[in-house]
Amino acid sequence: MPWISKAMCTGCGVCVENCPAGSIQIADDEKAEIDMEECIRCGTCHDICPSEAVRHDSEKLSAAFRCYTNS
C-alpha cells in the first residue's frame, strides 16, 4: 500500500491532480493524504511525485525486518 512521507511531501499537488481514483487530497497541514478506502493501488502517485514522498509498505516492512534481524 502506498503512503505519504510527511517529511518529504512538499504539498505541490501533483499526486492530487493525477490520481485516477481521486483518492489523494491536501490536508490541513498542507501535505498530501491518501484515502486508503478509495485508493486503487495503481502506483501513479509513486511514479509522478517529484519529491519521492509517496512510499510503499514494503519499505516499512524492510526497515522493521532489518531492525529485527540486527537485534
N, C-alpha and C. Protein backbone atom coordinates (compact mmCIF):
# COMPACT_ATOMS: atom_id res chain seq x y z
N MET A 1 0.84 -1.19 0.00
CA MET A 1 0.00 0.00 0.00
C MET A 1 0.88 1.24 0.00
N PRO A 2 0.45 2.25 -0.71
CA PRO A 2 1.22 3.50 -0.72
C PRO A 2 0.97 4.31 0.55
N TRP A 3 1.91 5.12 0.89
CA TRP A 3 1.76 6.07 2.00
C TRP A 3 2.61 7.29 1.68
N ILE A 4 2.30 8.40 2.33
CA ILE A 4 2.99 9.66 2.08
C ILE A 4 3.98 9.93 3.23
N SER A 5 5.22 10.17 2.89
CA SER A 5 6.20 10.60 3.88
C SER A 5 5.95 12.10 4.10
N LYS A 6 5.42 12.44 5.25
CA LYS A 6 5.12 13.84 5.55
C LYS A 6 6.39 14.70 5.55
N ALA A 7 7.51 14.10 5.91
CA ALA A 7 8.77 14.84 5.92
C ALA A 7 9.23 15.20 4.50
N MET A 8 8.86 14.36 3.53
CA MET A 8 9.31 14.58 2.16
C MET A 8 8.29 15.32 1.30
N CYS A 9 7.02 15.28 1.67
CA CYS A 9 5.95 15.90 0.88
C CYS A 9 6.05 17.43 0.92
N THR A 10 6.01 18.04 -0.25
CA THR A 10 6.06 19.50 -0.34
C THR A 10 4.67 20.11 -0.52
N GLY A 11 3.65 19.26 -0.68
CA GLY A 11 2.30 19.76 -0.87
C GLY A 11 2.06 20.35 -2.25
N CYS A 12 2.85 19.93 -3.23
CA CYS A 12 2.76 20.51 -4.57
C CYS A 12 1.44 20.18 -5.28
N GLY A 13 0.82 19.05 -4.92
CA GLY A 13 -0.47 18.69 -5.50
C GLY A 13 -0.41 17.89 -6.79
N VAL A 14 0.78 17.54 -7.25
CA VAL A 14 0.90 16.77 -8.49
C VAL A 14 0.17 15.43 -8.35
N CYS A 15 0.31 14.78 -7.21
CA CYS A 15 -0.36 13.50 -6.99
C CYS A 15 -1.88 13.66 -6.97
N VAL A 16 -2.35 14.74 -6.38
CA VAL A 16 -3.79 15.02 -6.33
C VAL A 16 -4.34 15.16 -7.74
N GLU A 17 -3.65 15.93 -8.56
CA GLU A 17 -4.10 16.19 -9.93
C GLU A 17 -4.07 14.95 -10.81
N ASN A 18 -3.20 14.00 -10.53
CA ASN A 18 -3.01 12.85 -11.40
C ASN A 18 -3.57 11.54 -10.87
N CYS A 19 -4.13 11.53 -9.69
CA CYS A 19 -4.69 10.30 -9.13
C CYS A 19 -5.96 9.91 -9.89
N PRO A 20 -5.97 8.76 -10.58
CA PRO A 20 -7.15 8.38 -11.35
C PRO A 20 -8.36 8.04 -10.48
N ALA A 21 -8.13 7.71 -9.21
CA ALA A 21 -9.23 7.37 -8.30
C ALA A 21 -9.71 8.57 -7.51
N GLY A 22 -8.98 9.68 -7.57
CA GLY A 22 -9.35 10.85 -6.78
C GLY A 22 -9.22 10.60 -5.29
N SER A 23 -8.27 9.75 -4.91
CA SER A 23 -8.17 9.36 -3.51
C SER A 23 -7.12 10.15 -2.72
N ILE A 24 -6.51 11.15 -3.34
CA ILE A 24 -5.49 11.93 -2.64
C ILE A 24 -5.96 13.38 -2.53
N GLN A 25 -5.78 13.94 -1.35
CA GLN A 25 -6.10 15.35 -1.14
C GLN A 25 -5.00 15.99 -0.30
N ILE A 26 -4.96 17.30 -0.32
CA ILE A 26 -4.02 18.05 0.52
C ILE A 26 -4.73 18.34 1.84
N ALA A 27 -4.12 17.91 2.92
CA ALA A 27 -4.70 18.04 4.26
C ALA A 27 -4.43 19.44 4.83
N ASP A 28 -4.94 19.67 6.02
CA ASP A 28 -4.77 20.96 6.70
C ASP A 28 -3.30 21.31 6.95
N ASP A 29 -2.45 20.27 7.06
CA ASP A 29 -1.02 20.52 7.28
C ASP A 29 -0.28 20.78 5.98
N GLU A 30 -1.04 20.93 4.88
CA GLU A 30 -0.52 21.22 3.54
C GLU A 30 0.35 20.09 3.00
N LYS A 31 0.06 18.88 3.44
CA LYS A 31 0.72 17.67 2.95
C LYS A 31 -0.34 16.76 2.35
N ALA A 32 0.07 15.95 1.38
CA ALA A 32 -0.87 15.03 0.74
C ALA A 32 -1.27 13.91 1.70
N GLU A 33 -2.51 13.43 1.52
CA GLU A 33 -3.03 12.29 2.27
C GLU A 33 -3.75 11.38 1.30
N ILE A 34 -3.57 10.08 1.47
CA ILE A 34 -4.25 9.10 0.62
C ILE A 34 -5.40 8.49 1.39
N ASP A 35 -6.59 8.50 0.79
CA ASP A 35 -7.75 7.81 1.36
C ASP A 35 -7.62 6.35 0.94
N MET A 36 -7.19 5.49 1.84
CA MET A 36 -6.92 4.10 1.52
C MET A 36 -8.15 3.33 1.06
N GLU A 37 -9.32 3.76 1.48
CA GLU A 37 -10.54 3.07 1.03
C GLU A 37 -10.84 3.37 -0.43
N GLU A 38 -10.38 4.50 -0.93
CA GLU A 38 -10.62 4.89 -2.32
C GLU A 38 -9.45 4.53 -3.23
N CYS A 39 -8.26 4.35 -2.67
CA CYS A 39 -7.05 4.09 -3.45
C CYS A 39 -7.18 2.77 -4.21
N ILE A 40 -6.81 2.80 -5.51
CA ILE A 40 -6.85 1.58 -6.33
C ILE A 40 -5.47 0.95 -6.48
N ARG A 41 -4.47 1.50 -5.81
CA ARG A 41 -3.10 0.98 -5.78
C ARG A 41 -2.49 0.83 -7.17
N CYS A 42 -2.69 1.84 -7.98
CA CYS A 42 -2.19 1.81 -9.36
C CYS A 42 -0.72 2.22 -9.46
N GLY A 43 -0.21 2.96 -8.46
CA GLY A 43 1.18 3.38 -8.47
C GLY A 43 1.45 4.70 -9.17
N THR A 44 0.41 5.34 -9.69
CA THR A 44 0.61 6.61 -10.39
C THR A 44 1.24 7.64 -9.48
N CYS A 45 0.76 7.76 -8.27
CA CYS A 45 1.29 8.77 -7.34
C CYS A 45 2.77 8.54 -7.07
N HIS A 46 3.14 7.30 -6.90
CA HIS A 46 4.54 6.95 -6.66
C HIS A 46 5.41 7.35 -7.85
N ASP A 47 4.91 7.09 -9.04
CA ASP A 47 5.68 7.35 -10.26
C ASP A 47 5.85 8.84 -10.57
N ILE A 48 4.87 9.66 -10.17
CA ILE A 48 4.92 11.07 -10.57
C ILE A 48 5.36 12.04 -9.49
N CYS A 49 5.48 11.59 -8.25
CA CYS A 49 5.83 12.51 -7.16
C CYS A 49 7.24 13.06 -7.36
N PRO A 50 7.37 14.38 -7.56
CA PRO A 50 8.69 14.95 -7.80
C PRO A 50 9.62 14.92 -6.58
N SER A 51 9.05 14.82 -5.39
CA SER A 51 9.89 14.78 -4.19
C SER A 51 10.04 13.36 -3.63
N GLU A 52 9.50 12.37 -4.36
CA GLU A 52 9.56 10.97 -3.96
C GLU A 52 8.97 10.73 -2.57
N ALA A 53 7.92 11.50 -2.25
CA ALA A 53 7.29 11.39 -0.94
C ALA A 53 6.32 10.22 -0.85
N VAL A 54 5.88 9.70 -1.98
CA VAL A 54 4.98 8.54 -1.96
C VAL A 54 5.82 7.29 -1.82
N ARG A 55 5.60 6.58 -0.74
CA ARG A 55 6.39 5.40 -0.41
C ARG A 55 5.48 4.17 -0.40
N HIS A 56 6.03 3.00 -0.14
CA HIS A 56 5.26 1.76 -0.11
C HIS A 56 5.49 1.02 1.19
N ASP A 57 4.49 0.23 1.60
CA ASP A 57 4.60 -0.54 2.83
C ASP A 57 5.81 -1.45 2.83
N SER A 58 6.23 -1.91 1.67
CA SER A 58 7.38 -2.81 1.62
C SER A 58 8.62 -2.15 2.23
N GLU A 59 8.70 -0.82 2.14
CA GLU A 59 9.83 -0.11 2.76
C GLU A 59 9.74 -0.19 4.28
N LYS A 60 8.54 -0.04 4.82
CA LYS A 60 8.36 -0.13 6.27
C LYS A 60 8.68 -1.54 6.74
N LEU A 61 8.22 -2.54 6.00
CA LEU A 61 8.48 -3.92 6.38
C LEU A 61 9.97 -4.23 6.32
N SER A 62 10.64 -3.74 5.30
CA SER A 62 12.07 -3.97 5.18
C SER A 62 12.83 -3.36 6.36
N ALA A 63 12.45 -2.15 6.74
CA ALA A 63 13.11 -1.48 7.86
C ALA A 63 12.85 -2.24 9.16
N ALA A 64 11.63 -2.69 9.35
CA ALA A 64 11.29 -3.44 10.55
C ALA A 64 12.05 -4.76 10.57
N PHE A 65 12.16 -5.39 9.43
CA PHE A 65 12.89 -6.65 9.34
C PHE A 65 14.36 -6.45 9.65
N ARG A 66 14.94 -5.38 9.12
CA ARG A 66 16.35 -5.09 9.41
C ARG A 66 16.57 -4.87 10.89
N CYS A 67 15.66 -4.15 11.54
CA CYS A 67 15.79 -3.92 12.99
C CYS A 67 15.69 -5.23 13.75
N TYR A 68 14.78 -6.07 13.31
CA TYR A 68 14.58 -7.36 13.99
C TYR A 68 15.80 -8.26 13.82
N THR A 69 16.34 -8.32 12.61
CA THR A 69 17.46 -9.22 12.35
C THR A 69 18.78 -8.69 12.91
N ASN A 70 18.85 -7.39 13.17
CA ASN A 70 20.07 -6.81 13.72
C ASN A 70 20.08 -6.76 15.24
N SER A 71 19.03 -7.28 15.86
CA SER A 71 18.93 -7.25 17.32
C SER A 71 19.83 -8.27 17.95
